[in-house]
Amino acid sequence: MAKLSQQEMDRFLAQPRIAHLVTLRPAGTPHVAPVWFLWDRGRAFVMADANAVKVRNIESNPSVALSIATSERPLSYVVLEGQAEVTSEDLPQVVERMCVLYDGPERGAEFAKELLGEDRMVLLEIAIDRIMSWKDNE
């Protein structure tokens, strides 16, 4: 099983890929949600509605995992495990960067304004404790 190099992993995580965020419910059962994410200097950010299940879960147990995988060959994945914190620090800048990454400059900036105008968005900032990766042997 081949692992991604640090450079390959940084390139992989810079792409607009759908990730699956795993949080833990109060009873200890997993909750999985597909999310957009932003990789920034060894941290991952996810935006969420402040009333979302994932936010409530993190407030009671900050342990999370973020799984990102390709859907076509060559196959590869990265799993990030860590501790999430709910924050509003740098919210406008991070939401805009994330929306532009996924939707392009014009639509992304417009979508960010829509989301921020609703005044209910928060960020989930994930401090990474463990990284696992894998890639096809090409």
N, C-alpha and C. Protein backbone atom coordinates (compact mmCIF):
# COMPACT_ATOMS: atom_id res chain seq x y z
N MET A 1 0.85 -1.17 0.00
CA MET A 1 0.00 0.00 0.00
C MET A 1 0.89 1.23 0.00
N ALA A 2 0.76 2.05 -1.01
CA ALA A 2 1.58 3.25 -1.14
C ALA A 2 0.88 4.43 -0.49
N LYS A 3 1.66 5.24 0.20
CA LYS A 3 1.13 6.45 0.82
C LYS A 3 1.43 7.64 -0.08
N LEU A 4 0.62 8.68 0.05
CA LEU A 4 0.89 9.92 -0.67
C LEU A 4 2.06 10.63 0.02
N SER A 5 2.93 11.24 -0.78
CA SER A 5 3.99 12.06 -0.20
C SER A 5 3.34 13.33 0.35
N GLN A 6 4.08 14.11 1.13
CA GLN A 6 3.53 15.35 1.67
C GLN A 6 3.09 16.29 0.55
N GLN A 7 3.91 16.38 -0.49
CA GLN A 7 3.57 17.24 -1.63
C GLN A 7 2.31 16.75 -2.35
N GLU A 8 2.21 15.43 -2.57
CA GLU A 8 1.03 14.85 -3.21
C GLU A 8 -0.22 15.08 -2.34
N MET A 9 -0.05 14.93 -1.03
CA MET A 9 -1.17 15.11 -0.12
C MET A 9 -1.64 16.57 -0.13
N ASP A 10 -0.71 17.51 -0.09
CA ASP A 10 -1.09 18.93 -0.13
C ASP A 10 -1.82 19.26 -1.43
N ARG A 11 -1.35 18.72 -2.56
CA ARG A 11 -2.03 18.93 -3.85
C ARG A 11 -3.43 18.31 -3.83
N PHE A 12 -3.52 17.10 -3.30
CA PHE A 12 -4.79 16.38 -3.21
C PHE A 12 -5.79 17.16 -2.37
N LEU A 13 -5.36 17.66 -1.21
CA LEU A 13 -6.26 18.36 -0.29
C LEU A 13 -6.60 19.78 -0.76
N ALA A 14 -5.85 20.31 -1.72
CA ALA A 14 -6.13 21.64 -2.26
C ALA A 14 -7.25 21.60 -3.31
N GLN A 15 -7.65 20.41 -3.73
CA GLN A 15 -8.68 20.27 -4.76
C GLN A 15 -10.08 20.36 -4.15
N PRO A 16 -11.06 20.82 -4.92
CA PRO A 16 -12.44 20.90 -4.41
C PRO A 16 -13.11 19.52 -4.43
N ARG A 17 -12.87 18.74 -3.41
CA ARG A 17 -13.42 17.39 -3.31
C ARG A 17 -14.46 17.36 -2.18
N ILE A 18 -15.47 16.56 -2.35
CA ILE A 18 -16.44 16.36 -1.28
C ILE A 18 -15.80 15.44 -0.24
N ALA A 19 -15.87 15.86 1.01
CA ALA A 19 -15.34 15.07 2.11
C ALA A 19 -16.50 14.55 2.95
N HIS A 20 -16.23 13.54 3.73
CA HIS A 20 -17.22 13.02 4.68
C HIS A 20 -16.71 13.29 6.08
N LEU A 21 -17.46 14.11 6.81
CA LEU A 21 -17.10 14.49 8.17
C LEU A 21 -17.83 13.54 9.13
N VAL A 22 -17.05 12.91 9.99
CA VAL A 22 -17.61 12.01 11.00
C VAL A 22 -17.51 12.69 12.36
N THR A 23 -18.66 12.84 13.01
CA THR A 23 -18.72 13.33 14.38
C THR A 23 -19.40 12.25 15.21
N LEU A 24 -19.36 12.43 16.53
CA LEU A 24 -19.97 11.43 17.41
C LEU A 24 -21.18 12.03 18.12
N ARG A 25 -22.29 11.31 18.03
CA ARG A 25 -23.50 11.71 18.75
C ARG A 25 -23.29 11.49 20.25
N PRO A 26 -24.11 12.11 21.09
CA PRO A 26 -23.96 11.93 22.54
C PRO A 26 -23.95 10.46 22.99
N ALA A 27 -24.68 9.61 22.28
CA ALA A 27 -24.71 8.19 22.62
C ALA A 27 -23.47 7.44 22.13
N GLY A 28 -22.59 8.14 21.40
CA GLY A 28 -21.36 7.52 20.90
C GLY A 28 -21.47 6.95 19.51
N THR A 29 -22.63 7.03 18.88
CA THR A 29 -22.78 6.52 17.52
C THR A 29 -22.29 7.56 16.52
N PRO A 30 -21.77 7.12 15.38
CA PRO A 30 -21.23 8.07 14.41
C PRO A 30 -22.32 8.78 13.62
N HIS A 31 -22.02 10.01 13.26
CA HIS A 31 -22.86 10.81 12.36
C HIS A 31 -21.94 11.22 11.21
N VAL A 32 -22.34 10.94 9.99
CA VAL A 32 -21.53 11.26 8.82
C VAL A 32 -22.26 12.27 7.96
N ALA A 33 -21.53 13.30 7.52
CA ALA A 33 -22.13 14.33 6.67
C ALA A 33 -21.17 14.68 5.54
N PRO A 34 -21.65 14.72 4.29
CA PRO A 34 -20.81 15.19 3.19
C PRO A 34 -20.65 16.70 3.32
N VAL A 35 -19.41 17.17 3.15
CA VAL A 35 -19.12 18.59 3.35
C VAL A 35 -18.09 19.09 2.35
N TRP A 36 -18.09 20.42 2.17
CA TRP A 36 -16.97 21.10 1.54
C TRP A 36 -15.96 21.36 2.64
N PHE A 37 -14.68 21.41 2.26
CA PHE A 37 -13.66 21.72 3.25
C PHE A 37 -12.58 22.57 2.61
N LEU A 38 -11.81 23.23 3.46
CA LEU A 38 -10.68 24.03 3.02
C LEU A 38 -9.46 23.58 3.81
N TRP A 39 -8.41 23.19 3.11
CA TRP A 39 -7.14 22.79 3.72
C TRP A 39 -6.25 24.02 3.77
N ASP A 40 -5.79 24.38 4.95
CA ASP A 40 -5.00 25.60 5.09
C ASP A 40 -3.91 25.40 6.13
N ARG A 41 -2.68 25.25 5.65
CA ARG A 41 -1.50 25.13 6.52
C ARG A 41 -1.66 24.09 7.63
N GLY A 42 -2.05 22.90 7.22
CA GLY A 42 -2.12 21.80 8.16
C GLY A 42 -3.38 21.76 9.01
N ARG A 43 -4.35 22.61 8.70
CA ARG A 43 -5.64 22.59 9.38
C ARG A 43 -6.73 22.44 8.33
N ALA A 44 -7.84 21.86 8.74
CA ALA A 44 -8.99 21.75 7.84
C ALA A 44 -10.13 22.59 8.41
N PHE A 45 -10.84 23.26 7.51
CA PHE A 45 -12.01 24.06 7.89
C PHE A 45 -13.22 23.52 7.16
N VAL A 46 -14.33 23.47 7.87
CA VAL A 46 -15.62 23.10 7.30
C VAL A 46 -16.59 24.18 7.73
N MET A 47 -17.47 24.61 6.83
CA MET A 47 -18.50 25.58 7.22
C MET A 47 -19.78 24.81 7.50
N ALA A 48 -20.56 25.36 8.43
CA ALA A 48 -21.79 24.67 8.80
C ALA A 48 -22.81 25.67 9.34
N ASP A 49 -24.06 25.29 9.27
CA ASP A 49 -25.12 26.04 9.92
C ASP A 49 -24.92 25.84 11.43
N ALA A 50 -25.02 26.90 12.19
CA ALA A 50 -24.79 26.82 13.64
C ALA A 50 -25.73 25.84 14.33
N ASN A 51 -26.87 25.53 13.73
CA ASN A 51 -27.83 24.61 14.33
C ASN A 51 -27.70 23.18 13.83
N ALA A 52 -26.70 22.88 13.04
CA ALA A 52 -26.55 21.55 12.44
C ALA A 52 -26.18 20.50 13.49
N VAL A 53 -26.56 19.26 13.22
CA VAL A 53 -26.24 18.14 14.11
C VAL A 53 -24.74 18.05 14.33
N LYS A 54 -23.96 18.21 13.27
CA LYS A 54 -22.50 18.09 13.40
C LYS A 54 -21.94 19.11 14.37
N VAL A 55 -22.51 20.31 14.39
CA VAL A 55 -22.05 21.36 15.30
C VAL A 55 -22.37 20.96 16.74
N ARG A 56 -23.60 20.52 16.98
CA ARG A 56 -23.98 20.09 18.34
C ARG A 56 -23.10 18.93 18.80
N ASN A 57 -22.82 17.99 17.89
CA ASN A 57 -21.97 16.85 18.25
C ASN A 57 -20.58 17.31 18.67
N ILE A 58 -20.00 18.23 17.91
CA ILE A 58 -18.65 18.73 18.20
C ILE A 58 -18.61 19.49 19.51
N GLU A 59 -19.68 20.20 19.82
CA GLU A 59 -19.72 20.93 21.08
C GLU A 59 -19.68 19.99 22.28
N SER A 60 -20.18 18.75 22.11
CA SER A 60 -20.13 17.81 23.24
C SER A 60 -18.94 16.85 23.15
N ASN A 61 -18.43 16.63 21.94
CA ASN A 61 -17.26 15.76 21.76
C ASN A 61 -16.50 16.24 20.52
N PRO A 62 -15.35 16.89 20.69
CA PRO A 62 -14.65 17.50 19.55
C PRO A 62 -13.90 16.51 18.65
N SER A 63 -13.88 15.23 18.97
CA SER A 63 -13.17 14.26 18.13
C SER A 63 -13.90 14.06 16.81
N VAL A 64 -13.17 14.22 15.70
CA VAL A 64 -13.77 14.10 14.37
C VAL A 64 -12.81 13.36 13.43
N ALA A 65 -13.36 12.94 12.30
CA ALA A 65 -12.56 12.42 11.19
C ALA A 65 -13.12 13.02 9.91
N LEU A 66 -12.23 13.31 8.98
CA LEU A 66 -12.61 13.85 7.68
C LEU A 66 -12.01 12.92 6.64
N SER A 67 -12.86 12.29 5.84
CA SER A 67 -12.42 11.33 4.83
C SER A 67 -12.63 11.93 3.45
N ILE A 68 -11.54 11.96 2.65
CA ILE A 68 -11.59 12.52 1.31
C ILE A 68 -11.03 11.48 0.35
N ALA A 69 -11.79 11.15 -0.69
CA ALA A 69 -11.34 10.11 -1.62
C ALA A 69 -11.67 10.49 -3.05
N THR A 70 -10.88 9.98 -3.98
CA THR A 70 -11.21 10.15 -5.39
C THR A 70 -12.31 9.15 -5.74
N SER A 71 -13.07 9.47 -6.77
CA SER A 71 -14.14 8.55 -7.19
C SER A 71 -13.77 7.78 -8.45
N GLU A 72 -12.65 8.15 -9.05
CA GLU A 72 -12.21 7.49 -10.28
C GLU A 72 -10.74 7.13 -10.19
N ARG A 73 -10.31 6.24 -11.02
CA ARG A 73 -8.90 5.85 -11.05
C ARG A 73 -8.06 6.95 -11.65
N PRO A 74 -6.86 7.19 -11.18
CA PRO A 74 -6.20 6.44 -10.12
C PRO A 74 -6.81 6.79 -8.76
N LEU A 75 -7.10 5.77 -7.98
CA LEU A 75 -7.74 5.95 -6.69
C LEU A 75 -6.74 6.41 -5.64
N SER A 76 -7.20 7.27 -4.75
CA SER A 76 -6.40 7.70 -3.61
C SER A 76 -7.33 8.27 -2.57
N TYR A 77 -6.85 8.32 -1.34
CA TYR A 77 -7.64 8.93 -0.28
C TYR A 77 -6.74 9.50 0.80
N VAL A 78 -7.33 10.40 1.57
CA VAL A 78 -6.69 10.95 2.76
C VAL A 78 -7.75 10.96 3.85
N VAL A 79 -7.39 10.49 5.03
CA VAL A 79 -8.26 10.57 6.20
C VAL A 79 -7.54 11.43 7.23
N LEU A 80 -8.22 12.47 7.68
CA LEU A 80 -7.69 13.38 8.70
C LEU A 80 -8.46 13.13 9.99
N GLU A 81 -7.76 12.89 11.07
CA GLU A 81 -8.40 12.74 12.37
C GLU A 81 -7.91 13.86 13.27
N GLY A 82 -8.80 14.38 14.10
CA GLY A 82 -8.38 15.45 14.99
C GLY A 82 -9.48 15.95 15.89
N GLN A 83 -9.24 17.15 16.39
CA GLN A 83 -10.16 17.80 17.32
C GLN A 83 -10.72 19.05 16.64
N ALA A 84 -12.03 19.16 16.63
CA ALA A 84 -12.69 20.30 15.97
C ALA A 84 -13.12 21.31 17.02
N GLU A 85 -13.10 22.55 16.60
CA GLU A 85 -13.56 23.66 17.43
C GLU A 85 -14.54 24.48 16.60
N VAL A 86 -15.64 24.86 17.21
CA VAL A 86 -16.61 25.72 16.54
C VAL A 86 -16.15 27.16 16.75
N THR A 87 -16.01 27.90 15.64
CA THR A 87 -15.49 29.26 15.73
C THR A 87 -16.14 30.15 14.67
N SER A 88 -16.05 31.44 14.89
CA SER A 88 -16.47 32.42 13.88
C SER A 88 -15.29 33.29 13.45
N GLU A 89 -14.11 32.98 13.96
CA GLU A 89 -12.92 33.75 13.61
C GLU A 89 -12.61 33.61 12.13
N ASP A 90 -12.42 34.73 11.46
CA ASP A 90 -12.13 34.77 10.01
C ASP A 90 -13.23 34.16 9.17
N LEU A 91 -14.45 34.11 9.70
CA LEU A 91 -15.57 33.48 9.01
C LEU A 91 -15.77 34.00 7.59
N PRO A 92 -15.88 35.32 7.36
CA PRO A 92 -16.13 35.79 5.97
C PRO A 92 -15.03 35.37 5.00
N GLN A 93 -13.77 35.49 5.42
CA GLN A 93 -12.66 35.16 4.52
C GLN A 93 -12.63 33.66 4.20
N VAL A 94 -12.82 32.83 5.21
CA VAL A 94 -12.74 31.38 4.98
C VAL A 94 -13.92 30.89 4.16
N VAL A 95 -15.11 31.39 4.45
CA VAL A 95 -16.29 30.99 3.67
C VAL A 95 -16.13 31.41 2.21
N GLU A 96 -15.64 32.62 1.98
CA GLU A 96 -15.45 33.05 0.59
C GLU A 96 -14.40 32.21 -0.12
N ARG A 97 -13.27 31.95 0.54
CA ARG A 97 -12.24 31.12 -0.09
C ARG A 97 -12.79 29.73 -0.44
N MET A 98 -13.57 29.16 0.48
CA MET A 98 -14.12 27.82 0.25
C MET A 98 -15.12 27.84 -0.90
N CYS A 99 -16.00 28.82 -0.92
CA CYS A 99 -17.00 28.90 -1.98
C CYS A 99 -16.35 29.14 -3.35
N VAL A 100 -15.33 29.97 -3.40
CA VAL A 100 -14.62 30.21 -4.65
C VAL A 100 -13.91 28.95 -5.12
N LEU A 101 -13.33 28.20 -4.18
CA LEU A 101 -12.67 26.94 -4.53
C LEU A 101 -13.65 25.97 -5.19
N TYR A 102 -14.84 25.84 -4.63
CA TYR A 102 -15.81 24.86 -5.12
C TYR A 102 -16.67 25.36 -6.28
N ASP A 103 -16.97 26.66 -6.29
CA ASP A 103 -17.91 27.19 -7.29
C ASP A 103 -17.30 28.16 -8.28
N GLY A 104 -15.99 28.44 -8.18
CA GLY A 104 -15.36 29.39 -9.08
C GLY A 104 -15.51 30.81 -8.57
N PRO A 105 -14.74 31.75 -9.16
CA PRO A 105 -14.69 33.12 -8.63
C PRO A 105 -16.03 33.85 -8.59
N GLU A 106 -16.78 33.80 -9.67
CA GLU A 106 -18.02 34.59 -9.72
C GLU A 106 -19.11 33.96 -8.87
N ARG A 107 -19.47 32.73 -9.17
CA ARG A 107 -20.55 32.05 -8.42
C ARG A 107 -20.14 31.85 -6.97
N GLY A 108 -18.87 31.55 -6.72
CA GLY A 108 -18.41 31.33 -5.35
C GLY A 108 -18.55 32.56 -4.48
N ALA A 109 -18.14 33.71 -4.99
CA ALA A 109 -18.25 34.96 -4.22
C ALA A 109 -19.72 35.28 -3.95
N GLU A 110 -20.57 35.05 -4.94
CA GLU A 110 -22.01 35.29 -4.78
C GLU A 110 -22.61 34.35 -3.73
N PHE A 111 -22.24 33.08 -3.79
CA PHE A 111 -22.76 32.09 -2.85
C PHE A 111 -22.29 32.39 -1.42
N ALA A 112 -21.03 32.80 -1.28
CA ALA A 112 -20.50 33.17 0.03
C ALA A 112 -21.31 34.31 0.64
N LYS A 113 -21.64 35.32 -0.17
CA LYS A 113 -22.45 36.45 0.32
C LYS A 113 -23.82 35.98 0.79
N GLU A 114 -24.42 35.05 0.03
CA GLU A 114 -25.72 34.49 0.41
C GLU A 114 -25.62 33.80 1.77
N LEU A 115 -24.63 32.93 1.91
CA LEU A 115 -24.47 32.18 3.15
C LEU A 115 -24.20 33.11 4.33
N LEU A 116 -23.31 34.06 4.15
CA LEU A 116 -22.96 34.97 5.23
C LEU A 116 -24.11 35.91 5.56
N GLY A 117 -24.94 36.23 4.58
CA GLY A 117 -26.09 37.10 4.80
C GLY A 117 -27.15 36.47 5.69
N GLU A 118 -27.15 35.15 5.75
CA GLU A 118 -28.12 34.44 6.60
C GLU A 118 -27.75 34.52 8.07
N ASP A 119 -26.52 34.93 8.37
CA ASP A 119 -26.04 35.14 9.73
C ASP A 119 -26.25 33.94 10.65
N ARG A 120 -25.99 32.75 10.11
CA ARG A 120 -26.09 31.56 10.94
C ARG A 120 -24.94 30.57 10.69
N MET A 121 -23.97 30.99 9.89
CA MET A 121 -22.86 30.11 9.57
C MET A 121 -21.78 30.16 10.67
N VAL A 122 -21.14 29.03 10.88
CA VAL A 122 -19.97 28.94 11.75
C VAL A 122 -18.93 28.12 11.03
N LEU A 123 -17.72 28.15 11.55
CA LEU A 123 -16.64 27.31 11.01
C LEU A 123 -16.33 26.21 12.00
N LEU A 124 -15.97 25.07 11.46
CA LEU A 124 -15.43 23.98 12.24
C LEU A 124 -13.95 23.94 11.89
N GLU A 125 -13.11 24.32 12.82
CA GLU A 125 -11.67 24.31 12.59
C GLU A 125 -11.11 23.02 13.18
N ILE A 126 -10.49 22.23 12.34
CA ILE A 126 -10.00 20.92 12.77
C ILE A 126 -8.49 20.94 12.90
N ALA A 127 -8.02 20.74 14.13
CA ALA A 127 -6.59 20.58 14.40
C ALA A 127 -6.29 19.10 14.19
N ILE A 128 -5.36 18.82 13.32
CA ILE A 128 -5.10 17.44 12.88
C ILE A 128 -4.16 16.72 13.85
N ASP A 129 -4.60 15.54 14.31
CA ASP A 129 -3.78 14.68 15.17
C ASP A 129 -3.13 13.54 14.39
N ARG A 130 -3.83 13.09 13.35
CA ARG A 130 -3.36 11.91 12.60
C ARG A 130 -3.81 12.03 11.15
N ILE A 131 -2.90 11.64 10.24
CA ILE A 131 -3.21 11.64 8.81
C ILE A 131 -2.90 10.26 8.25
N MET A 132 -3.86 9.71 7.52
CA MET A 132 -3.64 8.45 6.81
C MET A 132 -3.89 8.71 5.34
N SER A 133 -3.08 8.11 4.49
CA SER A 133 -3.27 8.30 3.05
C SER A 133 -2.94 7.01 2.32
N TRP A 134 -3.44 6.94 1.10
CA TRP A 134 -3.20 5.78 0.26
C TRP A 134 -3.34 6.22 -1.19
N LYS A 135 -2.58 5.58 -2.06
CA LYS A 135 -2.75 5.82 -3.51
C LYS A 135 -2.50 4.52 -4.25
N ASP A 136 -3.12 4.44 -5.43
CA ASP A 136 -2.89 3.30 -6.33
C ASP A 136 -1.42 3.23 -6.68
N ASN A 137 -0.91 2.03 -6.78
CA ASN A 137 0.44 1.87 -7.35
C ASN A 137 0.27 1.98 -8.85
N GLU A 138 0.78 3.07 -9.40
CA GLU A 138 0.55 3.34 -10.83
C GLU A 138 1.49 2.59 -11.71
